[in-house]
Protein backbone atom coordinates (compact mmCIF):
# COMPACT_ATOMS: atom_id res chain seq x y z
CA MET A 1 -35.45 30.50 133.26
CA LYS A 2 -36.20 31.48 129.69
CA LYS A 3 -38.25 34.32 128.38
CA LYS A 4 -40.19 33.92 125.16
CA ILE A 5 -39.78 36.67 122.63
CA LYS A 6 -42.13 36.81 119.68
CA LEU A 7 -40.67 37.72 116.30
CA SER A 8 -42.68 40.54 114.83
CA ILE A 9 -43.12 39.61 111.19
CA PHE A 10 -42.82 42.76 109.11
CA LEU A 11 -43.79 43.08 105.48
CA VAL A 12 -41.20 40.93 103.73
CA LEU A 13 -41.49 38.05 106.17
CA SER A 14 -45.21 37.74 105.59
CA PHE A 15 -44.29 36.49 102.09
CA LEU A 16 -41.51 34.20 103.28
CA LEU A 17 -42.83 32.56 106.46
CA PHE A 18 -44.69 31.66 109.11
CA LEU A 19 -47.69 29.41 109.47
CA VAL A 20 -49.62 29.08 112.69
CA ALA A 21 -48.86 26.16 114.96
CA PHE A 22 -50.84 25.10 117.98
CA SER A 23 -50.63 24.44 121.67
CA GLY A 24 -53.06 22.88 124.12
CA CYS A 25 -54.51 19.54 125.08
CA GLY A 26 -56.34 17.06 122.95
CA ASN A 27 -56.34 13.36 122.14
CA SER A 28 -53.78 11.27 124.04
CA LEU A 29 -50.85 9.57 122.29
CA THR A 30 -49.08 6.33 123.11
CA GLU A 31 -45.49 6.47 124.29
CA GLN A 32 -44.38 4.96 120.99
CA GLN A 33 -46.26 7.64 119.04
CA VAL A 34 -44.71 10.40 121.16
CA GLU A 35 -41.22 9.11 120.44
CA SER A 36 -42.04 8.83 116.73
CA TYR A 37 -43.13 12.46 116.52
CA LYS A 38 -40.08 13.58 118.47
CA GLN A 39 -37.92 11.82 115.90
CA LEU A 40 -39.78 13.52 113.05
CA SER A 41 -39.16 16.92 114.64
CA GLU A 42 -35.49 16.21 115.32
CA THR A 43 -35.01 15.07 111.74
CA CYS A 44 -36.72 18.21 110.43
CA PHE A 45 -34.51 20.46 112.53
CA SER A 46 -31.38 18.58 111.55
CA ASN A 47 -32.26 18.92 107.86
CA LEU A 48 -32.85 22.65 108.25
CA GLN A 49 -29.53 23.06 110.03
CA GLN A 50 -27.71 21.13 107.29
CA GLY A 51 -29.46 22.97 104.47
CA ASN A 52 -31.43 19.93 103.29
CA TYR A 53 -34.52 21.95 102.41
CA GLN A 54 -35.75 19.46 99.85
CA GLU A 55 -35.92 16.78 102.55
CA VAL A 56 -38.03 19.07 104.72
CA TYR A 57 -40.24 20.13 101.80
CA THR A 58 -41.10 16.50 100.99
CA THR A 59 -42.72 16.21 104.44
CA PHE A 60 -45.11 19.14 103.74
CA SER A 61 -48.80 18.47 103.26
CA ASP A 62 -50.32 19.59 99.95
CA LYS A 63 -51.92 22.54 101.74
CA LEU A 64 -48.61 23.71 103.19
CA LYS A 65 -46.85 23.34 99.83
CA LYS A 66 -49.36 25.76 98.31
CA THR A 67 -48.53 28.32 100.98
CA LEU A 68 -44.78 27.89 101.44
CA SER A 69 -42.41 26.94 98.64
CA GLN A 70 -39.05 25.27 99.14
CA GLN A 71 -37.24 28.49 98.19
CA GLN A 72 -39.33 30.52 100.62
CA LEU A 73 -38.60 27.97 103.35
CA GLN A 74 -34.88 28.33 102.69
CA GLN A 75 -34.96 32.12 102.71
CA ALA A 76 -37.04 32.20 105.88
CA TRP A 77 -34.84 29.72 107.74
CA LEU A 78 -31.63 31.54 106.84
CA GLN A 79 -33.10 34.85 107.98
CA THR A 80 -34.34 33.25 111.19
CA ILE A 81 -31.01 31.78 112.32
CA GLN A 82 -28.76 34.54 110.96
CA PRO A 83 -28.55 36.56 114.21
CA LEU A 84 -28.37 33.58 116.57
CA GLY A 85 -24.69 32.68 116.31
CA ALA A 86 -23.27 29.16 116.43
CA TYR A 87 -25.58 26.26 117.21
CA GLN A 88 -24.90 24.50 120.51
CA GLN A 89 -27.53 21.89 121.42
CA GLN A 90 -31.16 20.93 121.76
CA ASP A 91 -32.62 21.93 125.10
CA THR A 92 -36.16 20.55 125.44
CA ILE A 93 -38.75 18.77 123.32
CA SER A 94 -42.42 18.00 124.01
CA VAL A 95 -45.36 16.52 122.14
CA ASP A 96 -48.99 17.61 122.46
CA THR A 97 -52.21 17.43 120.46
CA GLN A 98 -54.68 19.98 119.15
CA GLY A 99 -57.75 18.42 117.62
CA SER A 100 -56.54 16.13 114.85
CA LEU A 101 -53.05 17.66 114.80
CA VAL A 102 -49.96 16.65 116.73
CA VAL A 103 -47.73 19.53 117.83
CA VAL A 104 -44.05 19.05 118.59
CA THR A 105 -42.33 21.92 120.41
CA SER A 106 -38.55 21.89 120.67
CA SER A 107 -36.09 24.44 122.05
CA HIS A 108 -32.59 24.83 120.62
CA ILE A 109 -29.72 26.74 122.19
CA TYR A 110 -27.55 28.94 119.98
CA GLU A 111 -24.62 31.14 120.93
CA LYS A 112 -26.61 34.38 121.31
CA GLN A 113 -30.23 33.30 121.75
CA SER A 114 -32.37 30.19 121.75
CA LEU A 115 -34.90 29.21 119.11
CA GLU A 116 -38.20 27.48 119.76
CA MET A 117 -39.59 25.47 116.83
CA ARG A 118 -43.19 24.25 116.76
CA LEU A 119 -44.26 21.76 114.11
CA SER A 120 -47.83 20.60 113.57
CA TYR A 121 -48.39 17.22 111.92
CA ASN A 122 -51.51 15.63 110.47
CA LYS A 123 -52.52 11.98 110.80
CA LYS A 124 -50.32 11.10 107.81
CA GLU A 125 -47.32 12.56 109.66
CA GLN A 126 -47.16 15.39 107.13
CA LEU A 127 -46.28 18.91 108.19
CA GLU A 128 -49.27 21.26 108.32
CA GLY A 129 -47.55 24.19 110.04
CA ILE A 130 -44.13 25.46 111.07
CA TYR A 131 -43.56 28.31 113.47
CA PHE A 132 -40.55 29.83 115.25
CA THR A 133 -40.16 32.06 118.29
CA TYR A 134 -37.03 33.41 119.92
CA GLN A 135 -35.97 32.91 123.52
CA GLU A 136 -33.36 34.61 125.66
CA ASN A 137 -30.70 32.21 126.94
CA SER A 138 -30.62 31.69 130.70
CA GLY A 139 -29.07 34.59 132.56
CA GLU A 140 -29.51 36.98 129.64
CA VAL A 141 -33.01 38.27 130.34
CA GLN A 142 -33.00 42.05 130.33
CA GLN A 143 -34.26 43.51 133.57
CA THR A 144 -36.65 46.40 132.84
CA THR A 145 -38.74 48.48 135.18
CA LEU A 146 -41.13 51.35 134.69
CA PRO A 147 -39.43 54.75 134.63
CA GLN A 148 -40.01 56.92 137.66
CA GLY A 149 -43.27 58.85 137.42
CA VAL A 150 -44.89 56.38 135.00
CA VAL A 151 -47.76 54.05 135.86
CA GLU A 152 -49.51 51.30 133.89
CA GLU A 153 -52.79 49.44 134.12
CA GLU A 154 -54.18 46.43 132.32
CA ILE A 155 -57.10 47.08 130.01
CA THR A 156 -59.25 44.92 127.71
CA ILE A 157 -60.15 45.78 124.10
CA THR A 158 -63.24 44.04 122.72
CA ALA A 159 -64.20 44.38 119.09
CA ASP A 160 -65.64 40.87 119.09
CA GLU A 161 -66.77 39.23 122.34
CA LYS A 162 -65.14 35.99 121.22
CA TYR A 163 -61.74 37.69 121.05
CA PRO A 164 -61.10 40.04 123.99
CA LEU A 165 -57.57 41.43 123.83
CA SER A 166 -55.28 42.40 126.68
CA GLY A 167 -53.65 45.79 126.56
CA THR A 168 -51.61 48.21 128.63
CA LEU A 169 -52.58 51.78 129.40
CA THR A 170 -49.45 53.81 130.21
CA MET A 171 -49.78 57.21 131.89
CA PRO A 172 -47.85 59.81 133.84
CA GLN A 173 -48.33 59.20 137.55
CA GLU A 174 -49.20 62.78 138.40
CA THR A 175 -52.05 64.34 136.39
CA SER A 176 -54.08 67.33 137.50
CA SER A 177 -56.53 67.20 134.61
CA SER A 178 -57.42 65.16 131.53
CA ILE A 179 -54.47 64.44 129.24
CA PRO A 180 -54.00 63.42 125.59
CA VAL A 181 -53.73 59.72 124.71
CA VAL A 182 -52.38 57.92 121.64
CA VAL A 183 -53.34 54.42 120.50
CA LEU A 184 -50.43 52.43 119.05
CA ILE A 185 -51.19 50.14 116.07
CA GLN A 186 -48.62 47.50 115.09
CA GLY A 187 -47.36 46.33 111.74
CA SER A 188 -48.10 42.98 110.10
CA GLY A 189 -47.78 39.61 111.77
CA GLN A 190 -48.62 38.13 115.15
CA SER A 191 -47.30 40.90 117.36
CA ASP A 192 -47.56 41.49 121.09
CA ARG A 193 -48.44 44.87 122.60
CA ASP A 194 -44.79 45.96 122.77
CA GLU A 195 -44.23 45.03 119.10
CA THR A 196 -41.41 42.82 120.36
CA ILE A 197 -38.71 41.74 117.93
CA TYR A 198 -35.90 39.82 119.59
CA SER A 199 -35.23 41.82 122.78
CA ASN A 200 -36.33 45.14 121.27
CA LYS A 201 -39.72 46.61 122.19
CA PRO A 202 -40.45 49.72 120.09
CA PHE A 203 -43.97 50.33 121.41
CA ARG A 204 -42.92 49.98 125.03
CA ASP A 205 -40.13 52.52 124.41
CA ILE A 206 -42.60 54.97 122.87
CA ALA A 207 -45.22 54.44 125.59
CA TRP A 208 -42.75 55.03 128.41
CA GLY A 209 -41.13 57.99 126.68
CA LEU A 210 -44.45 59.70 126.03
CA ALA A 211 -45.66 59.14 129.60
CA GLN A 212 -42.57 60.96 130.82
CA GLN A 213 -43.70 63.89 128.67
CA GLY A 214 -47.27 63.95 129.98
CA ILE A 215 -48.98 61.79 127.34
CA ALA A 216 -50.90 58.55 127.87
CA SER A 217 -50.88 55.63 125.44
CA LEU A 218 -52.69 52.37 124.82
CA ARG A 219 -51.00 49.35 123.29
CA TYR A 220 -52.43 45.84 123.05
CA ASP A 221 -51.73 42.31 121.84
CA LYS A 222 -52.95 41.64 118.32
CA ARG A 223 -55.84 39.25 117.80
CA TYR A 224 -53.89 36.41 116.22
CA TYR A 225 -51.05 36.75 118.68
CA THR A 226 -53.58 36.02 121.42
CA TYR A 227 -55.72 33.55 119.44
CA ALA A 228 -53.16 31.92 117.16
CA GLU A 229 -55.25 28.82 116.59
CA GLU A 230 -58.07 30.91 115.13
CA ALA A 231 -55.81 32.16 112.36
CA GLN A 232 -55.33 28.61 111.13
CA LYS A 233 -59.06 28.00 111.04
CA ILE A 234 -59.67 30.97 108.73
CA ALA A 235 -56.31 30.92 106.92
CA ASP A 236 -58.00 30.79 103.50
CA SER A 237 -60.42 33.64 104.14
CA ILE A 238 -58.79 36.03 106.61
CA THR A 239 -59.19 39.80 106.10
CA VAL A 240 -57.30 42.83 107.35
CA GLN A 241 -60.41 43.81 109.27
CA GLN A 242 -60.15 40.62 111.29
CA GLU A 243 -56.40 40.89 111.69
CA ILE A 244 -56.00 44.60 112.50
CA THR A 245 -58.63 47.25 111.85
CA ASP A 246 -61.65 46.00 113.82
CA ASP A 247 -59.58 45.82 117.00
CA ALA A 248 -57.84 49.14 116.29
CA LEU A 249 -61.15 50.94 115.91
CA ALA A 250 -62.41 49.34 119.13
CA ALA A 251 -59.28 50.54 120.96
CA LEU A 252 -59.80 54.09 119.70
CA GLU A 253 -63.43 54.08 120.80
CA LEU A 254 -62.45 52.74 124.21
CA VAL A 255 -60.16 55.65 125.06
CA GLN A 256 -62.51 58.18 123.47
CA ASN A 257 -65.11 57.11 126.03
CA ASP A 258 -62.65 57.49 128.91
CA ALA A 259 -63.07 60.83 130.74
CA ARG A 260 -59.41 60.82 131.76
CA PHE A 261 -58.37 61.73 128.24
CA SER A 262 -58.82 65.09 126.54
CA LYS A 263 -57.75 64.31 122.97
CA VAL A 264 -57.18 61.01 121.17
CA PHE A 265 -54.43 60.37 118.62
CA LEU A 266 -53.44 57.37 116.52
CA LEU A 267 -49.93 56.14 115.76
CA GLY A 268 -49.55 53.34 113.23
CA HIS A 269 -46.22 51.63 112.58
CA SER A 270 -45.34 49.85 109.33
CA GLN A 271 -48.61 48.30 108.08
CA GLY A 272 -50.32 50.15 110.93
CA GLY A 273 -49.01 53.35 109.34
CA MET A 274 -50.32 52.25 105.96
CA LEU A 275 -53.76 51.82 107.53
CA MET A 276 -53.62 55.14 109.37
CA PRO A 277 -55.70 57.11 106.80
CA TYR A 278 -58.41 54.43 106.75
CA LEU A 279 -58.57 54.18 110.54
CA ALA A 280 -58.65 57.95 110.97
CA ALA A 281 -61.41 58.32 108.39
CA GLN A 282 -63.46 55.49 109.87
CA ASN A 283 -63.20 56.87 113.39
CA GLY A 284 -63.81 60.48 112.41
CA LYS A 285 -63.07 61.94 115.86
CA LEU A 286 -59.28 61.94 116.17
CA ALA A 287 -57.29 65.03 117.13
CA GLY A 288 -54.40 63.87 114.93
CA ALA A 289 -52.75 60.83 113.37
CA ILE A 290 -49.18 59.59 112.91
CA SER A 291 -47.62 57.25 110.37
CA MET A 292 -44.29 55.77 111.45
CA ALA A 293 -42.50 53.88 108.67
CA GLY A 294 -45.79 53.53 106.78
CA SER A 295 -46.63 54.00 103.11
CA LEU A 296 -49.41 55.09 100.79
CA ARG A 297 -48.44 52.40 98.30
CA SER A 298 -50.20 49.05 98.08
CA LEU A 299 -48.76 46.27 100.21
CA TRP A 300 -48.07 44.17 97.13
CA GLU A 301 -45.93 46.94 95.64
CA ILE A 302 -43.74 47.03 98.73
CA MET A 303 -43.52 43.23 98.95
CA TYR A 304 -42.57 43.11 95.28
CA ASP A 305 -39.74 45.62 95.80
CA GLN A 306 -38.55 43.78 98.90
CA ASN A 307 -38.42 40.41 97.21
CA ILE A 308 -36.71 41.74 94.09
CA GLN A 309 -34.11 43.39 96.29
CA LEU A 310 -33.73 40.21 98.35
CA ALA A 311 -33.20 38.14 95.20
CA GLU A 312 -30.60 40.59 93.93
CA LEU A 313 -28.66 40.53 97.19
CA THR A 314 -28.67 36.73 97.56
CA LYS A 315 -28.35 35.46 93.96
CA ASN A 316 -24.55 35.19 94.05
CA THR A 317 -24.68 32.95 97.12
CA LEU A 318 -26.94 30.32 95.51
CA SER A 319 -26.12 27.07 93.75
CA GLU A 320 -27.24 26.56 90.16
CA GLN A 321 -30.21 24.50 91.34
CA GLN A 322 -31.16 27.20 93.84
CA LYS A 323 -30.86 29.86 91.13
CA THR A 324 -33.27 27.85 88.98
CA THR A 325 -35.70 27.65 91.87
CA LEU A 326 -35.29 31.38 92.50
CA PHE A 327 -36.03 32.12 88.85
CA GLN A 328 -39.24 30.08 89.08
CA GLN A 329 -40.22 31.96 92.23
CA LEU A 330 -39.64 35.29 90.54
CA LEU A 331 -41.83 34.23 87.64
CA GLN A 332 -44.57 33.40 90.15
CA LEU A 333 -43.95 36.74 91.86
CA GLU A 334 -44.45 38.57 88.56
CA SER A 335 -47.57 36.56 87.80
CA ASP A 336 -49.09 37.27 91.21
CA VAL A 337 -48.32 40.97 90.93
CA GLN A 338 -50.01 41.19 87.53
CA THR A 339 -53.12 39.60 89.04
CA LEU A 340 -53.03 42.02 91.98
CA LYS A 341 -52.69 45.03 89.69
CA ASN A 342 -56.11 44.23 88.28
CA LEU A 343 -57.70 42.54 91.26
CA LYS A 344 -61.08 44.22 90.84
CA GLN A 345 -61.29 43.15 87.22
CA ASN A 346 -60.17 39.58 87.94
CA GLN A 347 -63.45 38.01 88.97
CA ASP A 348 -62.34 34.45 88.20
CA ILE A 349 -59.14 34.17 90.22
CA LYS A 350 -58.22 30.51 90.46
CA GLN A 351 -55.40 30.88 92.98
CA LYS A 352 -56.28 30.73 96.66
CA THR A 353 -53.21 32.78 97.55
CA LEU A 354 -51.22 35.59 95.96
CA LEU A 355 -47.76 36.45 97.30
CA GLY A 356 -48.38 33.92 100.03
CA LEU A 357 -51.53 35.63 101.34
CA PRO A 358 -55.16 34.61 100.70
CA VAL A 359 -57.10 36.46 98.01
CA SER A 360 -59.62 37.51 100.65
CA TYR A 361 -56.87 39.44 102.43
CA TRP A 362 -55.86 41.30 99.27
CA ILE A 363 -59.47 42.24 98.55
CA SER A 364 -59.85 43.61 102.06
CA LEU A 365 -56.61 45.57 101.69
CA GLU A 366 -57.93 47.23 98.56
CA GLU A 367 -60.87 48.45 100.60
CA THR A 368 -58.59 50.02 103.21
CA GLU A 369 -55.72 51.50 101.16
CA GLY A 370 -54.58 54.83 102.51
CA LYS A 371 -54.54 56.63 99.17
CA GLN A 372 -58.34 56.24 99.01
CA TYR A 373 -58.90 57.90 102.39
CA ILE A 374 -56.16 60.48 102.78
CA SER A 375 -58.20 63.12 100.93
CA GLN A 376 -61.05 62.69 103.44
CA LEU A 377 -58.89 63.76 106.38
CA GLN A 378 -58.69 67.26 107.82
CA ILE A 379 -56.86 66.48 111.05
CA PRO A 380 -53.16 67.19 111.71
CA LEU A 381 -50.86 64.48 110.37
CA LEU A 382 -47.30 63.52 111.31
CA ILE A 383 -45.19 61.38 108.94
CA LEU A 384 -42.04 59.73 110.35
CA GLN A 385 -39.48 57.79 108.31
CA GLY A 386 -36.05 56.32 108.98
CA GLU A 387 -33.49 57.02 106.26
CA LYS A 388 -31.93 53.54 106.64
CA ASP A 389 -35.23 51.65 106.59
CA PHE A 390 -34.81 48.68 104.23
CA GLN A 391 -38.46 47.59 104.38
CA VAL A 392 -40.30 50.85 103.65
CA TYR A 393 -38.19 53.13 101.51
CA ALA A 394 -37.01 56.65 102.30
CA ASP A 395 -36.50 57.38 98.59
CA ILE A 396 -39.90 56.06 97.44
CA ASP A 397 -42.48 55.91 100.22
CA TYR A 398 -41.50 59.03 102.16
CA PRO A 399 -41.57 61.32 99.06
CA LEU A 400 -44.96 59.86 98.15
CA TRP A 401 -46.35 61.12 101.46
CA GLN A 402 -44.86 64.56 100.77
CA GLU A 403 -46.26 64.73 97.25
CA THR A 404 -49.70 63.51 98.26
CA LEU A 405 -49.91 65.94 101.18
CA GLU A 406 -48.31 68.90 99.41
CA GLN A 407 -51.51 70.95 99.64
CA TYR A 408 -52.60 69.48 102.97
CA PRO A 409 -53.04 72.31 105.51
CA ASN A 410 -51.48 70.60 108.53
CA ALA A 411 -48.92 67.89 107.78
CA THR A 412 -45.49 67.57 109.40
CA PHE A 413 -42.65 65.40 108.09
CA HIS A 414 -39.53 64.03 109.73
CA LEU A 415 -36.83 61.98 107.99
CA TYR A 416 -34.28 60.62 110.46
CA PRO A 417 -30.69 59.94 109.36
CA ASN A 418 -29.37 56.48 110.21
CA LEU A 419 -32.61 55.12 111.70
CA ASN A 420 -34.07 51.81 110.56
CA HIS A 421 -37.61 50.41 110.37
CA LEU A 422 -37.83 50.19 114.18
CA MET A 423 -36.78 53.85 114.51
CA MET A 424 -33.58 52.61 116.11
CA PRO A 425 -29.99 53.26 114.97
CA SER A 426 -29.04 51.30 111.86
CA LYS A 427 -26.11 48.92 111.94
CA GLY A 428 -25.92 48.60 108.18
CA GLY A 429 -28.63 45.98 107.74
CA THR A 430 -30.32 45.00 104.48
CA ILE A 431 -33.40 43.05 103.48
CA ALA A 432 -31.06 40.03 103.19
CA ASP A 433 -29.44 40.67 106.57
CA THR A 434 -31.91 41.66 109.26
CA SER A 435 -29.57 40.73 112.13
CA GLU A 436 -29.43 44.33 113.35
CA TYR A 437 -32.95 43.81 114.74
CA ALA A 438 -31.46 41.25 117.14
CA GLN A 439 -29.13 43.82 118.72
CA PRO A 440 -30.72 45.36 121.82
CA ASP A 441 -31.53 49.04 121.38
CA THR A 442 -34.26 51.62 121.96
CA VAL A 443 -36.34 53.94 119.83
CA ASP A 444 -34.40 57.13 119.16
CA SER A 445 -35.26 59.79 121.73
CA GLN A 446 -35.73 62.47 119.05
CA VAL A 447 -38.51 60.41 117.49
CA ILE A 448 -40.34 60.25 120.82
CA THR A 449 -39.80 63.97 121.38
CA ASP A 450 -41.19 64.81 117.94
CA ILE A 451 -44.26 62.65 118.59
CA ALA A 452 -44.81 64.36 121.96
CA GLN A 453 -44.44 67.82 120.47
CA PHE A 454 -46.96 66.98 117.73
CA ILE A 455 -49.50 65.69 120.26
CA HIS A 456 -49.09 68.59 122.67
CA SER A 457 -49.32 71.18 119.90
CA ASN A 458 -52.63 69.70 118.72
CA SER A 459 -54.23 69.06 122.11
């Protein structure tokens, strides 16, 4: 039996990959058509494996080409398969329909893990979407059980009645009175409630660890993890409110109305940490807030740094043709960044996307940037950063928090040696080599202890 594991797409990968694919039932296909689409999928996978990215790119629809360049496809594919080990064989393949699209789902066994690839084709047999998830190979599923003294219950978060979200409330089993609770907000991408990446589950680790120290927590599946098909429908107009903040605010309100909890805290990781000041200001009733591997900089600034660093680390491995393509991509990167620097003044933006994201998303981000809201806060703040984080930088983003909050009356800072973006021990990874995320580990116990101490001291 295989267990699906969603790849949490952190900041850099939102520029490089992944478009939403579909599942479900729709119009029927003839046996001949099914075999034809299977062949298309097998050819696509074979070309990716052999490095024939141009062959794959020629099958893209015009819409997909505007979103994902050939160079970005190459970078994303290489990052995707890097931790999987040697390729072994195809496992399964199936064909389904969703509206006017045909979806081909295939599973491929590698040495360390399996990869599921979903391709969505239009009526012209052009690719409209490409999406990957990871699977544990048979016999390798990690057996995990709740720690002794910890209980969990299912809960539903509803910011919009059309999109109810499933969540998990984790609590100590024995409580004599109301206890503090913290709501966990994920980073970017289609993430489940545990913020699963490969076999690692940072939010589950934190939830269980805090429950053992007398603190409840709420974590939930993100909207477009649960309703992936909806993301495709609004791909050109999506906002951060739809993706993250509306549901986060609903989750906070839910626990604030629960008599079992005395004080409510917020913990945001990665982009969730970037949105922490906005969410805290909008809610207005928190006892404290935590940023874990977050930043006060704009998302485009971080993505720019990541992609420049990625280009620097990979340039010597590219052919001359690939270097030319990379140079063109960097020119586009610079152009997009210049537009984003003056987004409010650019009323006549012709591009539909900037840095791979729709203009609507960037406009909504400007409305929620932490640096606009941090001065409105008066609650205790906790800032956590891993020294070996190669996505949010210990030498840029962490000092910015310290400088901004220098006169803040109640801010605590922790910089952890040798911890990465997941607050797990670093294995020497870089933005060009994210394979350390594939190695099973847990959130460092000191991080969980520091979070617990902060919550207890402000409850």
